[in-house]
Amino acid sequence: MLHTTKSFELGNTIYFECVYRNTMGVLTDPDNPNWSIATARGVVVASGTTEGGPFKRSTGLWYIFWTSDQIGDYILEFNGQMGTHAVKIRRPFKVIKTAATY
């Protein structure tokens, strides 16, 4: 299976969304939802404690906005607690620079 990593332009504000479902597949809000963005080397560059959020759009749907300031490979993590289970959703992404600066 081929996995494509999404790429975003340097300096743009990015919208990330997370869908939380219980074991029956029903949209459910987690307890203590939080998020972090780390470099490929594991250095956290932003998190729910430093940037705010995550914000609730509707039951089970949570989101953040993040503005990139460095090119590179990153990993976004949304976390939470659903009953007695810890939930961790990870998504890799890239920040690139495609336009020349004049």
N, C-alpha and C. Protein backbone atom coordinates (compact mmCIF):
# COMPACT_ATOMS: atom_id res chain seq x y z
N MET A 1 0.84 -1.18 0.00
CA MET A 1 0.00 0.00 0.00
C MET A 1 0.88 1.24 0.00
N LEU A 2 0.63 2.15 -0.91
CA LEU A 2 1.40 3.37 -1.03
C LEU A 2 0.80 4.44 -0.13
N HIS A 3 1.65 5.05 0.69
CA HIS A 3 1.19 6.12 1.58
C HIS A 3 1.76 7.43 1.08
N THR A 4 0.90 8.39 0.80
CA THR A 4 1.33 9.69 0.33
C THR A 4 1.31 10.68 1.48
N THR A 5 2.44 11.33 1.70
CA THR A 5 2.52 12.35 2.73
C THR A 5 2.08 13.68 2.13
N LYS A 6 1.17 14.36 2.81
CA LYS A 6 0.71 15.66 2.32
C LYS A 6 1.81 16.69 2.50
N SER A 7 1.87 17.63 1.56
CA SER A 7 2.85 18.72 1.62
C SER A 7 2.12 20.05 1.70
N PHE A 8 2.69 20.98 2.47
CA PHE A 8 2.12 22.30 2.65
C PHE A 8 3.20 23.33 2.42
N GLU A 9 2.82 24.48 1.92
CA GLU A 9 3.76 25.55 1.62
C GLU A 9 4.22 26.27 2.89
N LEU A 10 5.51 26.55 2.97
CA LEU A 10 6.10 27.28 4.08
C LEU A 10 5.37 28.60 4.31
N GLY A 11 5.03 28.88 5.57
CA GLY A 11 4.39 30.14 5.94
C GLY A 11 2.88 30.13 5.88
N ASN A 12 2.30 29.08 5.31
CA ASN A 12 0.84 29.00 5.24
C ASN A 12 0.28 28.46 6.56
N THR A 13 -0.94 28.89 6.87
CA THR A 13 -1.64 28.33 8.02
C THR A 13 -2.37 27.08 7.55
N ILE A 14 -2.18 25.99 8.28
CA ILE A 14 -2.71 24.69 7.90
C ILE A 14 -3.84 24.30 8.85
N TYR A 15 -4.91 23.75 8.27
CA TYR A 15 -6.03 23.24 9.04
C TYR A 15 -5.87 21.72 9.14
N PHE A 16 -5.80 21.21 10.37
CA PHE A 16 -5.74 19.77 10.61
C PHE A 16 -6.98 19.36 11.38
N GLU A 17 -7.55 18.23 11.01
CA GLU A 17 -8.76 17.73 11.67
C GLU A 17 -8.55 16.29 12.12
N CYS A 18 -9.18 15.94 13.22
CA CYS A 18 -9.11 14.59 13.76
C CYS A 18 -10.53 14.08 14.01
N VAL A 19 -10.77 12.83 13.65
CA VAL A 19 -12.06 12.20 13.88
C VAL A 19 -11.87 11.13 14.95
N TYR A 20 -12.56 11.28 16.06
CA TYR A 20 -12.51 10.31 17.15
C TYR A 20 -13.77 9.45 17.10
N ARG A 21 -13.58 8.12 17.12
CA ARG A 21 -14.71 7.18 17.12
C ARG A 21 -14.50 6.18 18.25
N ASN A 22 -15.61 5.73 18.83
CA ASN A 22 -15.51 4.69 19.86
C ASN A 22 -15.35 3.32 19.18
N THR A 23 -15.29 2.27 19.96
CA THR A 23 -15.07 0.93 19.40
C THR A 23 -16.22 0.45 18.52
N MET A 24 -17.36 1.09 18.61
CA MET A 24 -18.51 0.75 17.76
C MET A 24 -18.55 1.61 16.49
N GLY A 25 -17.58 2.51 16.33
CA GLY A 25 -17.51 3.36 15.15
C GLY A 25 -18.32 4.63 15.23
N VAL A 26 -18.86 4.93 16.41
CA VAL A 26 -19.70 6.11 16.60
C VAL A 26 -18.82 7.30 16.97
N LEU A 27 -19.06 8.44 16.32
CA LEU A 27 -18.32 9.66 16.66
C LEU A 27 -18.50 9.95 18.15
N THR A 28 -17.37 10.13 18.84
CA THR A 28 -17.38 10.31 20.29
C THR A 28 -16.30 11.29 20.69
N ASP A 29 -16.61 12.18 21.63
CA ASP A 29 -15.60 13.10 22.13
C ASP A 29 -14.67 12.39 23.11
N PRO A 30 -13.36 12.62 22.97
CA PRO A 30 -12.42 12.04 23.93
C PRO A 30 -12.34 12.90 25.18
N ASP A 31 -11.87 12.31 26.27
CA ASP A 31 -11.51 13.08 27.45
C ASP A 31 -10.08 13.58 27.23
N ASN A 32 -9.80 14.77 27.72
CA ASN A 32 -8.46 15.36 27.64
C ASN A 32 -7.86 15.36 26.25
N PRO A 33 -8.58 15.86 25.23
CA PRO A 33 -7.99 15.89 23.90
C PRO A 33 -6.81 16.86 23.86
N ASN A 34 -5.76 16.49 23.14
CA ASN A 34 -4.61 17.37 22.97
C ASN A 34 -3.93 17.02 21.67
N TRP A 35 -2.94 17.82 21.29
CA TRP A 35 -2.24 17.60 20.04
C TRP A 35 -0.80 18.07 20.17
N SER A 36 0.04 17.61 19.26
CA SER A 36 1.41 18.10 19.17
C SER A 36 1.91 17.91 17.75
N ILE A 37 2.87 18.75 17.38
CA ILE A 37 3.57 18.62 16.11
C ILE A 37 5.05 18.53 16.45
N ALA A 38 5.70 17.48 15.92
CA ALA A 38 7.12 17.25 16.18
C ALA A 38 7.85 17.11 14.85
N THR A 39 9.13 17.42 14.88
CA THR A 39 9.98 17.19 13.71
C THR A 39 10.16 15.68 13.54
N ALA A 40 10.75 15.29 12.43
CA ALA A 40 11.02 13.87 12.19
C ALA A 40 11.99 13.31 13.24
N ARG A 41 12.74 14.17 13.89
CA ARG A 41 13.68 13.75 14.94
C ARG A 41 13.03 13.72 16.32
N GLY A 42 11.76 14.07 16.40
CA GLY A 42 11.03 13.98 17.66
C GLY A 42 11.02 15.24 18.51
N VAL A 43 11.50 16.35 17.98
CA VAL A 43 11.50 17.62 18.72
C VAL A 43 10.12 18.27 18.55
N VAL A 44 9.40 18.47 19.65
CA VAL A 44 8.08 19.08 19.61
C VAL A 44 8.23 20.57 19.31
N VAL A 45 7.57 21.03 18.24
CA VAL A 45 7.65 22.43 17.83
C VAL A 45 6.38 23.20 18.17
N ALA A 46 5.29 22.49 18.43
CA ALA A 46 4.03 23.13 18.81
C ALA A 46 3.15 22.08 19.48
N SER A 47 2.26 22.55 20.36
CA SER A 47 1.35 21.62 21.02
C SER A 47 0.12 22.35 21.51
N GLY A 48 -0.85 21.59 21.96
CA GLY A 48 -2.08 22.15 22.49
C GLY A 48 -1.84 23.06 23.68
N THR A 49 -0.75 22.82 24.39
CA THR A 49 -0.47 23.66 25.55
C THR A 49 0.18 24.97 25.16
N THR A 50 0.87 25.03 24.01
CA THR A 50 1.53 26.27 23.61
C THR A 50 0.74 27.07 22.59
N GLU A 51 -0.10 26.41 21.80
CA GLU A 51 -0.80 27.08 20.71
C GLU A 51 -2.31 27.13 20.89
N GLY A 52 -2.85 26.41 21.87
CA GLY A 52 -4.28 26.35 22.05
C GLY A 52 -4.87 25.14 21.35
N GLY A 53 -6.12 24.88 21.68
CA GLY A 53 -6.80 23.76 21.04
C GLY A 53 -6.40 22.43 21.63
N PRO A 54 -6.90 21.36 21.09
CA PRO A 54 -7.72 21.33 19.89
C PRO A 54 -9.11 21.90 20.15
N PHE A 55 -9.73 22.29 19.06
CA PHE A 55 -11.05 22.90 19.14
C PHE A 55 -12.09 21.93 18.60
N LYS A 56 -13.25 21.92 19.23
CA LYS A 56 -14.32 21.01 18.85
C LYS A 56 -15.18 21.62 17.75
N ARG A 57 -15.31 20.91 16.61
CA ARG A 57 -16.20 21.33 15.53
C ARG A 57 -17.59 20.76 15.75
N SER A 58 -17.65 19.49 16.11
CA SER A 58 -18.90 18.82 16.47
C SER A 58 -18.50 17.53 17.19
N THR A 59 -19.46 16.75 17.63
CA THR A 59 -19.15 15.54 18.38
C THR A 59 -18.18 14.66 17.59
N GLY A 60 -17.04 14.38 18.20
CA GLY A 60 -16.03 13.53 17.60
C GLY A 60 -15.11 14.19 16.59
N LEU A 61 -15.40 15.41 16.20
CA LEU A 61 -14.59 16.13 15.21
C LEU A 61 -13.86 17.30 15.88
N TRP A 62 -12.54 17.22 15.91
CA TRP A 62 -11.71 18.23 16.56
C TRP A 62 -10.69 18.74 15.56
N TYR A 63 -10.25 19.99 15.72
CA TYR A 63 -9.33 20.57 14.74
C TYR A 63 -8.36 21.54 15.38
N ILE A 64 -7.32 21.86 14.62
CA ILE A 64 -6.36 22.91 14.99
C ILE A 64 -5.97 23.67 13.73
N PHE A 65 -5.42 24.86 13.92
CA PHE A 65 -4.74 25.61 12.88
C PHE A 65 -3.29 25.75 13.32
N TRP A 66 -2.36 25.61 12.38
CA TRP A 66 -0.94 25.75 12.68
C TRP A 66 -0.26 26.42 11.51
N THR A 67 0.61 27.39 11.80
CA THR A 67 1.35 28.10 10.76
C THR A 67 2.80 27.63 10.76
N SER A 68 3.22 27.16 9.61
CA SER A 68 4.58 26.65 9.47
C SER A 68 5.60 27.78 9.40
N ASP A 69 6.78 27.55 10.00
CA ASP A 69 7.85 28.55 9.91
C ASP A 69 9.20 27.94 9.52
N GLN A 70 9.24 26.62 9.32
CA GLN A 70 10.46 25.92 8.90
C GLN A 70 10.08 24.80 7.93
N ILE A 71 10.88 24.61 6.89
CA ILE A 71 10.64 23.47 6.01
C ILE A 71 11.09 22.20 6.72
N GLY A 72 10.56 21.06 6.30
CA GLY A 72 10.98 19.79 6.87
C GLY A 72 9.84 18.79 6.97
N ASP A 73 10.18 17.65 7.53
CA ASP A 73 9.22 16.57 7.76
C ASP A 73 8.73 16.65 9.20
N TYR A 74 7.41 16.49 9.36
CA TYR A 74 6.80 16.62 10.68
C TYR A 74 5.83 15.47 10.92
N ILE A 75 5.47 15.29 12.18
CA ILE A 75 4.44 14.33 12.57
C ILE A 75 3.44 15.04 13.48
N LEU A 76 2.18 15.00 13.08
CA LEU A 76 1.09 15.55 13.88
C LEU A 76 0.51 14.42 14.71
N GLU A 77 0.27 14.67 15.99
CA GLU A 77 -0.39 13.70 16.86
C GLU A 77 -1.58 14.35 17.53
N PHE A 78 -2.73 13.69 17.42
CA PHE A 78 -3.90 14.02 18.23
C PHE A 78 -3.99 12.90 19.27
N ASN A 79 -4.21 13.26 20.53
CA ASN A 79 -4.31 12.29 21.62
C ASN A 79 -5.58 12.54 22.42
N GLY A 80 -5.95 11.55 23.18
CA GLY A 80 -7.10 11.68 24.07
C GLY A 80 -7.33 10.38 24.81
N GLN A 81 -8.36 10.37 25.60
CA GLN A 81 -8.73 9.19 26.39
C GLN A 81 -10.18 8.86 26.07
N MET A 82 -10.45 7.61 25.72
CA MET A 82 -11.82 7.17 25.47
C MET A 82 -12.09 6.00 26.40
N GLY A 83 -12.81 6.28 27.48
CA GLY A 83 -13.02 5.27 28.50
C GLY A 83 -11.69 4.92 29.15
N THR A 84 -11.33 3.67 29.12
CA THR A 84 -10.05 3.25 29.72
C THR A 84 -8.94 3.16 28.69
N HIS A 85 -9.21 3.59 27.46
CA HIS A 85 -8.23 3.45 26.38
C HIS A 85 -7.62 4.79 25.98
N ALA A 86 -6.30 4.81 25.89
CA ALA A 86 -5.61 5.98 25.36
C ALA A 86 -5.69 5.93 23.84
N VAL A 87 -5.93 7.07 23.22
CA VAL A 87 -6.04 7.16 21.77
C VAL A 87 -4.91 8.04 21.26
N LYS A 88 -4.23 7.59 20.21
CA LYS A 88 -3.18 8.38 19.57
C LYS A 88 -3.33 8.22 18.07
N ILE A 89 -3.50 9.35 17.38
CA ILE A 89 -3.65 9.36 15.93
C ILE A 89 -2.48 10.16 15.37
N ARG A 90 -1.67 9.54 14.53
CA ARG A 90 -0.45 10.17 14.00
C ARG A 90 -0.57 10.33 12.50
N ARG A 91 -0.13 11.49 12.01
CA ARG A 91 -0.12 11.77 10.58
C ARG A 91 1.17 12.50 10.21
N PRO A 92 1.95 11.92 9.29
CA PRO A 92 3.14 12.63 8.82
C PRO A 92 2.74 13.69 7.79
N PHE A 93 3.54 14.75 7.69
CA PHE A 93 3.35 15.75 6.65
C PHE A 93 4.67 16.48 6.42
N LYS A 94 4.74 17.20 5.32
CA LYS A 94 5.94 17.96 4.96
C LYS A 94 5.59 19.43 4.81
N VAL A 95 6.55 20.27 5.14
CA VAL A 95 6.47 21.69 4.84
C VAL A 95 7.56 21.95 3.81
N ILE A 96 7.17 22.51 2.67
CA ILE A 96 8.09 22.74 1.56
C ILE A 96 8.07 24.21 1.15
N LYS A 97 9.05 24.59 0.36
CA LYS A 97 9.08 25.94 -0.20
C LYS A 97 9.18 25.79 -1.70
N THR A 98 8.12 26.18 -2.40
CA THR A 98 8.10 26.03 -3.84
C THR A 98 8.30 27.35 -4.59
N ALA A 99 7.99 28.45 -3.97
CA ALA A 99 8.06 29.75 -4.64
C ALA A 99 9.36 30.47 -4.27
N ALA A 100 9.93 31.15 -5.24
CA ALA A 100 11.13 31.95 -4.98
C ALA A 100 10.73 33.23 -4.28
N THR A 101 11.59 33.69 -3.37
CA THR A 101 11.35 34.95 -2.68
C THR A 101 12.05 36.07 -3.44
N TYR A 102 11.29 37.11 -3.79
CA TYR A 102 11.87 38.24 -4.53
C TYR A 102 11.98 39.45 -3.66
